[in-house]
């Protein structure tokens, strides 16, 4: 989802919340019933935000772990390539040195 789509979705959710709040405020209920309904909706919203934050933390942790794994693999590949190059250089210089002495 692009930033624009995400931003539009957030504005949609904000409008939805404002519309729900306005509907609750203008509903034919007593003040205590209306306050309880608002409190209930606010708690639901808070719980939703907490859950989404928890999910985001978990996903970020997974991304960090994957990044560490990729970095470890890259380091191992670099080490292997370095060792192979060093060994090939040593073999080439050893072979050349022996051939010159003949």
PDB file of N, CA and C in Angstrom:
ATOM      1  N   UNK A   1       0.855  -1.159   0.000  1.00  0.00           N
ATOM      2  CA  UNK A   1       0.000   0.000   0.000  1.00  0.00           C
ATOM      3  C   UNK A   1       0.906   1.228   0.000  1.00  0.00           C
ATOM      4  N   UNK A   2       0.629   2.160  -0.879  1.00  0.00           N
ATOM      5  CA  UNK A   2       1.452   3.364  -0.947  1.00  0.00           C
ATOM      6  C   UNK A   2       1.103   4.313   0.185  1.00  0.00           C
ATOM      7  N   UNK A   3       1.954   5.331   0.383  1.00  0.00           N
ATOM      8  CA  UNK A   3       1.703   6.318   1.439  1.00  0.00           C
ATOM      9  C   UNK A   3       0.371   7.012   1.211  1.00  0.00           C
ATOM     10  N   UNK A   4       0.078   7.297  -0.043  1.00  0.00           N
ATOM     11  CA  UNK A   4      -1.168   8.006  -0.352  1.00  0.00           C
ATOM     12  C   UNK A   4      -2.379   7.171   0.040  1.00  0.00           C
ATOM     13  N   UNK A   5      -2.341   5.878  -0.278  1.00  0.00           N
ATOM     14  CA  UNK A   5      -3.460   4.997   0.076  1.00  0.00           C
ATOM     15  C   UNK A   5      -3.582   4.866   1.588  1.00  0.00           C
ATOM     16  N   UNK A   6      -2.455   4.739   2.276  1.00  0.00           N
ATOM     17  CA  UNK A   6      -2.468   4.626   3.733  1.00  0.00           C
ATOM     18  C   UNK A   6      -3.010   5.885   4.370  1.00  0.00           C
ATOM     19  N   UNK A   7      -2.619   7.039   3.848  1.00  0.00           N
ATOM     20  CA  UNK A   7      -3.078   8.313   4.381  1.00  0.00           C
ATOM     21  C   UNK A   7      -4.578   8.463   4.149  1.00  0.00           C
ATOM     22  N   UNK A   8      -5.045   8.076   2.993  1.00  0.00           N
ATOM     23  CA  UNK A   8      -6.475   8.143   2.684  1.00  0.00           C
ATOM     24  C   UNK A   8      -7.269   7.239   3.630  1.00  0.00           C
ATOM     25  N   UNK A   9      -6.724   6.072   3.898  1.00  0.00           N
ATOM     26  CA  UNK A   9      -7.398   5.130   4.783  1.00  0.00           C
ATOM     27  C   UNK A   9      -7.487   5.696   6.198  1.00  0.00           C
ATOM     28  N   UNK A  10      -6.413   6.341   6.658  1.00  0.00           N
ATOM     29  CA  UNK A  10      -6.440   6.950   7.992  1.00  0.00           C
ATOM     30  C   UNK A  10      -7.476   8.060   8.058  1.00  0.00           C
ATOM     31  N   UNK A  11      -7.570   8.870   7.007  1.00  0.00           N
ATOM     32  CA  UNK A  11      -8.587   9.932   6.989  1.00  0.00           C
ATOM     33  C   UNK A  11      -9.988   9.321   6.985  1.00  0.00           C
ATOM     34  N   UNK A  12     -10.147   8.224   6.270  1.00  0.00           N
ATOM     35  CA  UNK A  12     -11.432   7.536   6.258  1.00  0.00           C
ATOM     36  C   UNK A  12     -11.802   7.063   7.667  1.00  0.00           C
ATOM     37  N   UNK A  13     -10.832   6.449   8.361  1.00  0.00           N
ATOM     38  CA  UNK A  13     -11.091   5.984   9.723  1.00  0.00           C
ATOM     39  C   UNK A  13     -11.403   7.149  10.656  1.00  0.00           C
ATOM     40  N   UNK A  14     -10.688   8.265  10.492  1.00  0.00           N
ATOM     41  CA  UNK A  14     -10.961   9.437  11.331  1.00  0.00           C
ATOM     42  C   UNK A  14     -12.372   9.947  11.072  1.00  0.00           C
ATOM     43  N   UNK A  15     -12.764  10.030   9.823  1.00  0.00           N
ATOM     44  CA  UNK A  15     -14.120  10.468   9.484  1.00  0.00           C
ATOM     45  C   UNK A  15     -15.171   9.518  10.011  1.00  0.00           C
ATOM     46  N   UNK A  16     -14.870   8.245   9.939  1.00  0.00           N
ATOM     47  CA  UNK A  16     -15.790   7.239  10.461  1.00  0.00           C
ATOM     48  C   UNK A  16     -15.971   7.412  11.969  1.00  0.00           C
ATOM     49  N   UNK A  17     -14.866   7.646  12.662  1.00  0.00           N
ATOM     50  CA  UNK A  17     -14.942   7.856  14.113  1.00  0.00           C
ATOM     51  C   UNK A  17     -15.708   9.112  14.468  1.00  0.00           C
ATOM     52  N   UNK A  18     -15.454  10.196  13.744  1.00  0.00           N
ATOM     53  CA  UNK A  18     -16.168  11.451  14.005  1.00  0.00           C
ATOM     54  C   UNK A  18     -17.654  11.284  13.720  1.00  0.00           C
ATOM     55  N   UNK A  19     -17.972  10.594  12.642  1.00  0.00           N
ATOM     56  CA  UNK A  19     -19.378  10.354  12.313  1.00  0.00           C
ATOM     57  C   UNK A  19     -20.067   9.508  13.370  1.00  0.00           C
ATOM     58  N   UNK A  20     -19.376   8.511  13.860  1.00  0.00           N
ATOM     59  CA  UNK A  20     -19.955   7.663  14.909  1.00  0.00           C
ATOM     60  C   UNK A  20     -20.166   8.465  16.183  1.00  0.00           C
ATOM     61  N   UNK A  21     -19.189   9.304  16.515  1.00  0.00           N
ATOM     62  CA  UNK A  21     -19.316  10.143  17.703  1.00  0.00           C
ATOM     63  C   UNK A  21     -20.486  11.113  17.566  1.00  0.00           C
ATOM     64  N   UNK A  22     -20.614  11.722  16.399  1.00  0.00           N
ATOM     65  CA  UNK A  22     -21.724  12.651  16.177  1.00  0.00           C
ATOM     66  C   UNK A  22     -23.065  11.910  16.275  1.00  0.00           C
ATOM     67  N   UNK A  23     -23.118  10.714  15.741  1.00  0.00           N
ATOM     68  CA  UNK A  23     -24.343   9.925  15.821  1.00  0.00           C
ATOM     69  C   UNK A  23     -24.711   9.584  17.249  1.00  0.00           C
ATOM     70  N   UNK A  24     -23.695   9.263  18.036  1.00  0.00           N
ATOM     71  CA  UNK A  24     -23.948   8.943  19.440  1.00  0.00           C
ATOM     72  C   UNK A  24     -24.415  10.177  20.189  1.00  0.00           C
ATOM     73  N   UNK A  25     -23.794  11.315  19.902  1.00  0.00           N
ATOM     74  CA  UNK A  25     -24.151  12.544  20.611  1.00  0.00           C
ATOM     75  C   UNK A  25     -25.572  13.012  20.294  1.00  0.00           C
ATOM     76  N   UNK A  26     -26.023  12.779  19.070  1.00  0.00           N
ATOM     77  CA  UNK A  26     -27.356  13.241  18.688  1.00  0.00           C
ATOM     78  C   UNK A  26     -28.432  12.164  18.836  1.00  0.00           C
ATOM     79  N   UNK A  27     -28.049  11.017  19.343  1.00  0.00           N
ATOM     80  CA  UNK A  27     -29.024   9.941  19.537  1.00  0.00           C
ATOM     81  C   UNK A  27     -29.944  10.305  20.706  1.00  0.00           C
ATOM     82  N   UNK A  28     -31.173   9.835  20.634  1.00  0.00           N
ATOM     83  CA  UNK A  28     -32.134  10.160  21.708  1.00  0.00           C
ATOM     84  C   UNK A  28     -31.901   9.291  22.947  1.00  0.00           C
ATOM     85  N   UNK A  29     -30.824   9.572  23.687  1.00  0.00           N
ATOM     86  CA  UNK A  29     -30.513   8.844  24.914  1.00  0.00           C
ATOM     87  C   UNK A  29     -30.334   9.850  26.036  1.00  0.00           C
ATOM     88  N   UNK A  30     -30.339   9.322  27.220  1.00  0.00           N
ATOM     89  CA  UNK A  30     -30.067  10.194  28.369  1.00  0.00           C
ATOM     90  C   UNK A  30     -28.577  10.498  28.414  1.00  0.00           C
ATOM     91  N   UNK A  31     -28.194  11.486  29.187  1.00  0.00           N
ATOM     92  CA  UNK A  31     -26.796  11.878  29.283  1.00  0.00           C
ATOM     93  C   UNK A  31     -25.907  10.761  29.778  1.00  0.00           C
ATOM     94  N   UNK A  32     -26.346  10.031  30.782  1.00  0.00           N
ATOM     95  CA  UNK A  32     -25.516   8.954  31.325  1.00  0.00           C
ATOM     96  C   UNK A  32     -25.364   7.819  30.312  1.00  0.00           C
ATOM     97  N   UNK A  33     -26.429   7.516  29.582  1.00  0.00           N
ATOM     98  CA  UNK A  33     -26.332   6.484  28.546  1.00  0.00           C
ATOM     99  C   UNK A  33     -25.375   6.917  27.443  1.00  0.00           C
ATOM    100  N   UNK A  34     -25.469   8.180  27.060  1.00  0.00           N
ATOM    101  CA  UNK A  34     -24.591   8.702  26.012  1.00  0.00           C
ATOM    102  C   UNK A  34     -23.144   8.679  26.474  1.00  0.00           C
ATOM    103  N   UNK A  35     -22.891   9.099  27.696  1.00  0.00           N
ATOM    104  CA  UNK A  35     -21.516   9.082  28.216  1.00  0.00           C
ATOM    105  C   UNK A  35     -20.979   7.660  28.279  1.00  0.00           C
ATOM    106  N   UNK A  36     -21.816   6.733  28.683  1.00  0.00           N
ATOM    107  CA  UNK A  36     -21.387   5.329  28.746  1.00  0.00           C
ATOM    108  C   UNK A  36     -21.071   4.800  27.343  1.00  0.00           C
ATOM    109  N   UNK A  37     -21.891   5.161  26.379  1.00  0.00           N
ATOM    110  CA  UNK A  37     -21.648   4.728  25.000  1.00  0.00           C
ATOM    111  C   UNK A  37     -20.332   5.312  24.481  1.00  0.00           C
ATOM    112  N   UNK A  38     -20.078   6.586  24.784  1.00  0.00           N
ATOM    113  CA  UNK A  38     -18.826   7.221  24.354  1.00  0.00           C
ATOM    114  C   UNK A  38     -17.643   6.546  25.035  1.00  0.00           C
ATOM    115  N   UNK A  39     -17.764   6.293  26.319  1.00  0.00           N
ATOM    116  CA  UNK A  39     -16.694   5.629  27.070  1.00  0.00           C
ATOM    117  C   UNK A  39     -16.417   4.242  26.484  1.00  0.00           C
ATOM    118  N   UNK A  40     -17.480   3.529  26.182  1.00  0.00           N
ATOM    119  CA  UNK A  40     -17.333   2.194  25.620  1.00  0.00           C
ATOM    120  C   UNK A  40     -16.618   2.243  24.271  1.00  0.00           C
ATOM    121  N   UNK A  41     -17.008   3.172  23.419  1.00  0.00           N
ATOM    122  CA  UNK A  41     -16.368   3.318  22.095  1.00  0.00           C
ATOM    123  C   UNK A  41     -14.902   3.722  22.251  1.00  0.00           C
ATOM    124  N   UNK A  42     -14.634   4.609  23.202  1.00  0.00           N
ATOM    125  CA  UNK A  42     -13.253   5.045  23.422  1.00  0.00           C
ATOM    126  C   UNK A  42     -12.392   3.868  23.880  1.00  0.00           C
ATOM    127  N   UNK A  43     -12.924   3.025  24.746  1.00  0.00           N
ATOM    128  CA  UNK A  43     -12.183   1.852  25.199  1.00  0.00           C
ATOM    129  C   UNK A  43     -11.945   0.877  24.055  1.00  0.00           C
ATOM    130  N   UNK A  44     -12.956   0.703  23.208  1.00  0.00           N
ATOM    131  CA  UNK A  44     -12.787  -0.166  22.039  1.00  0.00           C
ATOM    132  C   UNK A  44     -11.688   0.382  21.132  1.00  0.00           C
ATOM    133  N   UNK A  45     -11.704   1.678  20.910  1.00  0.00           N
ATOM    134  CA  UNK A  45     -10.680   2.304  20.073  1.00  0.00           C
ATOM    135  C   UNK A  45      -9.292   2.161  20.673  1.00  0.00           C
ATOM    136  N   UNK A  46      -9.195   2.361  21.980  1.00  0.00           N
ATOM    137  CA  UNK A  46      -7.912   2.215  22.668  1.00  0.00           C
ATOM    138  C   UNK A  46      -7.404   0.780  22.543  1.00  0.00           C
ATOM    139  N   UNK A  47      -8.279  -0.192  22.739  1.00  0.00           N
ATOM    140  CA  UNK A  47      -7.890  -1.595  22.610  1.00  0.00           C
ATOM    141  C   UNK A  47      -7.432  -1.912  21.194  1.00  0.00           C
ATOM    142  N   UNK A  48      -8.135  -1.359  20.210  1.00  0.00           N
ATOM    143  CA  UNK A  48      -7.773  -1.571  18.813  1.00  0.00           C
ATOM    144  C   UNK A  48      -6.381  -1.012  18.530  1.00  0.00           C
ATOM    145  N   UNK A  49      -6.125   0.201  18.996  1.00  0.00           N
ATOM    146  CA  UNK A  49      -4.826   0.834  18.764  1.00  0.00           C
ATOM    147  C   UNK A  49      -3.723   0.035  19.458  1.00  0.00           C
ATOM    148  N   UNK A  50      -3.967  -0.414  20.674  1.00  0.00           N
ATOM    149  CA  UNK A  50      -2.969  -1.230  21.380  1.00  0.00           C
ATOM    150  C   UNK A  50      -2.662  -2.512  20.620  1.00  0.00           C
ATOM    151  N   UNK A  51      -3.686  -3.158  20.120  1.00  0.00           N
ATOM    152  CA  UNK A  51      -3.494  -4.407  19.374  1.00  0.00           C
ATOM    153  C   UNK A  51      -2.687  -4.154  18.103  1.00  0.00           C
ATOM    154  N   UNK A  52      -3.039  -3.094  17.394  1.00  0.00           N
ATOM    155  CA  UNK A  52      -2.302  -2.767  16.159  1.00  0.00           C
ATOM    156  C   UNK A  52      -0.849  -2.423  16.477  1.00  0.00           C
ATOM    157  N   UNK A  53      -0.606  -1.724  17.572  1.00  0.00           N
ATOM    158  CA  UNK A  53       0.761  -1.387  17.965  1.00  0.00           C
ATOM    159  C   UNK A  53       1.544  -2.659  18.310  1.00  0.00           C
ATOM    160  N   UNK A  54       0.888  -3.582  18.993  1.00  0.00           N
ATOM    161  CA  UNK A  54       1.543  -4.855  19.325  1.00  0.00           C
ATOM    162  C   UNK A  54       1.905  -5.619  18.061  1.00  0.00           C
ATOM    163  N   UNK A  55       0.972  -5.658  17.107  1.00  0.00           N
ATOM    164  CA  UNK A  55       1.240  -6.330  15.838  1.00  0.00           C
ATOM    165  C   UNK A  55       2.383  -5.662  15.089  1.00  0.00           C
ATOM    166  N   UNK A  56       2.422  -4.340  15.108  1.00  0.00           N
ATOM    167  CA  UNK A  56       3.488  -3.606  14.431  1.00  0.00           C
ATOM    168  C   UNK A  56       4.839  -3.909  15.076  1.00  0.00           C
ATOM    169  N   UNK A  57       4.884  -3.974  16.404  1.00  0.00           N
ATOM    170  CA  UNK A  57       6.139  -4.312  17.097  1.00  0.00           C
ATOM    171  C   UNK A  57       6.600  -5.711  16.723  1.00  0.00           C
ATOM    172  N   UNK A  58       5.668  -6.650  16.679  1.00  0.00           N
ATOM    173  CA  UNK A  58       6.021  -8.022  16.310  1.00  0.00           C
ATOM    174  C   UNK A  58       6.571  -8.076  14.894  1.00  0.00           C
ATOM    175  N   UNK A  59       5.907  -7.379  13.982  1.00  0.00           N
ATOM    176  CA  UNK A  59       6.349  -7.385  12.594  1.00  0.00           C
ATOM    177  C   UNK A  59       7.725  -6.726  12.470  1.00  0.00           C
ATOM    178  N   UNK A  60       7.937  -5.629  13.188  1.00  0.00           N
ATOM    179  CA  UNK A  60       9.240  -4.968  13.155  1.00  0.00           C
ATOM    180  C   UNK A  60      10.312  -5.903  13.699  1.00  0.00           C
ATOM    181  N   UNK A  61       9.995  -6.632  14.744  1.00  0.00           N
ATOM    182  CA  UNK A  61      10.949  -7.603  15.293  1.00  0.00           C
ATOM    183  C   UNK A  61      11.295  -8.691  14.287  1.00  0.00           C
ATOM    184  N   UNK A  62      10.292  -9.152  13.562  1.00  0.00           N
ATOM    185  CA  UNK A  62      10.530 -10.167  12.530  1.00  0.00           C
ATOM    186  C   UNK A  62      11.426  -9.616  11.430  1.00  0.00           C
ATOM    187  N   UNK A  63      11.187  -8.358  11.036  1.00  0.00           N
ATOM    188  CA  UNK A  63      12.019  -7.736  10.001  1.00  0.00           C
ATOM    189  C   UNK A  63      13.458  -7.588  10.479  1.00  0.00           C
ATOM    190  N   UNK A  64      13.638  -7.223  11.733  1.00  0.00           N
ATOM    191  CA  UNK A  64      14.992  -7.100  12.282  1.00  0.00           C
ATOM    192  C   UNK A  64      15.682  -8.462  12.265  1.00  0.00           C
ATOM    193  N   UNK A  65      14.973  -9.495  12.684  1.00  0.00           N
ATOM    194  CA  UNK A  65      15.558 -10.839  12.686  1.00  0.00           C
ATOM    195  C   UNK A  65      15.933 -11.277  11.278  1.00  0.00           C
ATOM    196  N   UNK A  66      15.053 -11.021  10.313  1.00  0.00           N
ATOM    197  CA  UNK A  66      15.358 -11.367   8.922  1.00  0.00           C
ATOM    198  C   UNK A  66      16.565 -10.593   8.423  1.00  0.00           C
ATOM    199  N   UNK A  67      16.636  -9.321   8.777  1.00  0.00           N
ATOM    200  CA  UNK A  67      17.775  -8.496   8.374  1.00  0.00           C
ATOM    201  C   UNK A  67      19.073  -9.034   8.939  1.00  0.00           C
ATOM    202  N   UNK A  68      19.047  -9.459  10.205  1.00  0.00           N
ATOM    203  CA  UNK A  68      20.244 -10.036  10.821  1.00  0.00           C
ATOM    204  C   UNK A  68      20.654 -11.315  10.099  1.00  0.00           C
ATOM    205  N   UNK A  69      19.676 -12.148   9.754  1.00  0.00           N
ATOM    206  CA  UNK A  69      19.979 -13.384   9.037  1.00  0.00           C
ATOM    207  C   UNK A  69      20.613 -13.095   7.679  1.00  0.00           C
ATOM    208  N   UNK A  70      20.061 -12.135   6.959  1.00  0.00           N
ATOM    209  CA  UNK A  70      20.607 -11.789   5.644  1.00  0.00           C
ATOM    210  C   UNK A  70      22.020 -11.247   5.794  1.00  0.00           C
ATOM    211  N   UNK A  71      22.240 -10.409   6.784  1.00  0.00           N
ATOM    212  CA  UNK A  71      23.564  -9.849   7.016  1.00  0.00           C
ATOM    213  C   UNK A  71      24.568 -10.948   7.342  1.00  0.00           C
ATOM    214  N   UNK A  72      24.167 -11.902   8.160  1.00  0.00           N
ATOM    215  CA  UNK A  72      25.039 -13.020   8.499  1.00  0.00           C
ATOM    216  C   UNK A  72      25.378 -13.835   7.253  1.00  0.00           C
ATOM    217  N   UNK A  73      24.390 -14.082   6.418  1.00  0.00           N
ATOM    218  CA  UNK A  73      24.637 -14.824   5.180  1.00  0.00           C
ATOM    219  C   UNK A  73      25.596 -14.070   4.269  1.00  0.00           C
ATOM    220  N   UNK A  74      25.405 -12.761   4.153  1.00  0.00           N
ATOM    221  CA  UNK A  74      26.281 -11.956   3.306  1.00  0.00           C
ATOM    222  C   UNK A  74      27.716 -11.978   3.843  1.00  0.00           C
ATOM    223  N   UNK A  75      27.860 -11.882   5.146  1.00  0.00           N
ATOM    224  CA  UNK A  75      29.201 -11.934   5.734  1.00  0.00           C
ATOM    225  C   UNK A  75      29.867 -13.276   5.443  1.00  0.00           C
ATOM    226  N   UNK A  76      29.117 -14.361   5.556  1.00  0.00           N
ATOM    227  CA  UNK A  76      29.663 -15.688   5.280  1.00  0.00           C
ATOM    228  C   UNK A  76      30.073 -15.818   3.807  1.00  0.00           C
ATOM    229  N   UNK A  77      29.241 -15.302   2.916  1.00  0.00           N
ATOM    230  CA  UNK A  77      29.580 -15.358   1.493  1.00  0.00           C
ATOM    231  C   UNK A  77      30.831 -14.543   1.206  1.00  0.00           C
ATOM    232  N   UNK A  78      30.942 -13.372   1.824  1.00  0.00           N
ATOM    233  CA  UNK A  78      32.123 -12.535   1.629  1.00  0.00           C
ATOM    234  C   UNK A  78      33.360 -13.243   2.159  1.00  0.00           C
ATOM    235  N   UNK A  79      33.247 -13.843   3.347  1.00  0.00           N
ATOM    236  CA  UNK A  79      34.381 -14.575   3.928  1.00  0.00           C
ATOM    237  C   UNK A  79      34.813 -15.713   3.018  1.00  0.00           C
ATOM    238  N   UNK A  80      33.840 -16.461   2.504  1.00  0.00           N
ATOM    239  CA  UNK A  80      34.158 -17.581   1.610  1.00  0.00           C
ATOM    240  C   UNK A  80      34.840 -17.097   0.345  1.00  0.00           C
ATOM    241  N   UNK A  81      34.319 -16.018  -0.242  1.00  0.00           N
ATOM    242  CA  UNK A  81      34.923 -15.475  -1.458  1.00  0.00           C
ATOM    243  C   UNK A  81      36.336 -14.967  -1.172  1.00  0.00           C
ATOM    244  N   UNK A  82      36.531 -14.316  -0.034  1.00  0.00           N
ATOM    245  CA  UNK A  82      37.850 -13.801   0.334  1.00  0.00           C
ATOM    246  C   UNK A  82      38.838 -14.957   0.502  1.00  0.00           C
ATOM    247  N   UNK A  83      38.408 -15.986   1.215  1.00  0.00           N
ATOM    248  CA  UNK A  83      39.284 -17.140   1.431  1.00  0.00           C
ATOM    249  C   UNK A  83      39.608 -17.845   0.116  1.00  0.00           C
ATOM    250  N   UNK A  84      38.625 -17.978  -0.762  1.00  0.00           N
ATOM    251  CA  UNK A  84      38.868 -18.621  -2.064  1.00  0.00           C
ATOM    252  C   UNK A  84      39.850 -17.792  -2.884  1.00  0.00           C
ATOM    253  N   UNK A  85      39.687 -16.483  -2.872  1.00  0.00           N
ATOM    254  CA  UNK A  85      40.608 -15.608  -3.605  1.00  0.00           C
ATOM    255  C   UNK A  85      42.008 -15.662  -3.027  1.00  0.00           C
ATOM    256  N   UNK A  86      42.119 -15.665  -1.711  1.00  0.00           N
ATOM    257  CA  UNK A  86      43.428 -15.728  -1.059  1.00  0.00           C
ATOM    258  C   UNK A  86      44.125 -17.048  -1.368  1.00  0.00           C
ATOM    259  N   UNK A  87      43.352 -18.124  -1.320  1.00  0.00           N
ATOM    260  CA  UNK A  87      43.923 -19.445  -1.618  1.00  0.00           C
ATOM    261  C   UNK A  87      44.362 -19.518  -3.080  1.00  0.00           C
ATOM    262  N   UNK A  88      43.550 -18.990  -3.979  1.00  0.00           N
ATOM    263  CA  UNK A  88      43.916 -19.003  -5.401  1.00  0.00           C
ATOM    264  C   UNK A  88      45.167 -18.163  -5.630  1.00  0.00           C
ATOM    265  N   UNK A  89      45.294 -17.048  -4.960  1.00  0.00           N
ATOM    266  CA  UNK A  89      46.480 -16.201  -5.086  1.00  0.00           C
ATOM    267  C   UNK A  89      47.716 -16.941  -4.585  1.00  0.00           C
ATOM    268  N   UNK A  90      47.578 -17.597  -3.426  1.00  0.00           N
ATOM    269  CA  UNK A  90      48.718 -18.330  -2.881  1.00  0.00           C
ATOM    270  C   UNK A  90      49.140 -19.463  -3.801  1.00  0.00           C
ATOM    271  N   UNK A  91      48.165 -20.159  -4.361  1.00  0.00           N
ATOM    272  CA  UNK A  91      48.482 -21.250  -5.287  1.00  0.00           C
ATOM    273  C   UNK A  91      49.146 -20.711  -6.541  1.00  0.00           C
ATOM    274  N   UNK A  92      48.656 -19.590  -7.038  1.00  0.00           N
ATOM    275  CA  UNK A  92      49.223 -19.008  -8.255  1.00  0.00           C
ATOM    276  C   UNK A  92      50.648 -18.521  -8.011  1.00  0.00           C
ATOM    277  N   UNK A  93      50.887 -17.879  -6.882  1.00  0.00           N
ATOM    278  CA  UNK A  93      52.236 -17.376  -6.603  1.00  0.00           C
ATOM    279  C   UNK A  93      53.175 -18.516  -6.273  1.00  0.00           C
ATOM    280  N   UNK A  94      52.697 -19.572  -5.638  1.00  0.00           N
ATOM    281  CA  UNK A  94      53.539 -20.724  -5.328  1.00  0.00           C
ATOM    282  C   UNK A  94      53.909 -21.460  -6.610  1.00  0.00           C
ATOM    283  N   UNK A  95      52.942 -21.611  -7.494  1.00  0.00           N
ATOM    284  CA  UNK A  95      53.193 -22.307  -8.756  1.00  0.00           C
ATOM    285  C   UNK A  95      54.161 -21.494  -9.623  1.00  0.00           C
ATOM    286  N   UNK A  96      54.015 -20.202  -9.703  1.00  0.00           N
ATOM    287  CA  UNK A  96      54.888 -19.349 -10.490  1.00  0.00           C
ATOM    288  C   UNK A  96      56.294 -19.354  -9.925  1.00  0.00           C
ATOM    289  N   UNK A  97      56.423 -19.308  -8.626  1.00  0.00           N
ATOM    290  CA  UNK A  97      57.736 -19.308  -7.979  1.00  0.00           C
ATOM    291  C   UNK A  97      58.469 -20.614  -8.245  1.00  0.00           C
ATOM    292  N   UNK A  98      57.770 -21.726  -8.224  1.00  0.00           N
ATOM    293  CA  UNK A  98      58.394 -23.013  -8.492  1.00  0.00           C
ATOM    294  C   UNK A  98      58.786 -23.157  -9.944  1.00  0.00           C
ATOM    295  N   UNK A  99      57.992 -22.606 -10.843  1.00  0.00           N
ATOM    296  CA  UNK A  99      58.282 -22.701 -12.271  1.00  0.00           C
ATOM    297  C   UNK A  99      59.479 -21.850 -12.628  1.00  0.00           C
ATOM    298  N   UNK A 100      59.717 -20.720 -11.968  1.00  0.00           N
ATOM    299  CA  UNK A 100      60.841 -19.847 -12.271  1.00  0.00           C
ATOM    300  C   UNK A 100      62.163 -20.484 -11.848  1.00  0.00           C
ATOM    301  N   UNK A 101      62.139 -21.302 -10.834  1.00  0.00           N
ATOM    302  CA  UNK A 101      63.361 -21.923 -10.354  1.00  0.00           C
ATOM    303  C   UNK A 101      63.831 -23.047 -11.239  1.00  0.00           C
ATOM    304  N   UNK A 102      62.982 -23.567 -12.110  1.00  0.00           N
ATOM    305  CA  UNK A 102      63.368 -24.666 -12.993  1.00  0.00           C
ATOM    306  C   UNK A 102      64.250 -24.229 -14.053  1.00  0.00           C
TER     307      UNK A 102
END
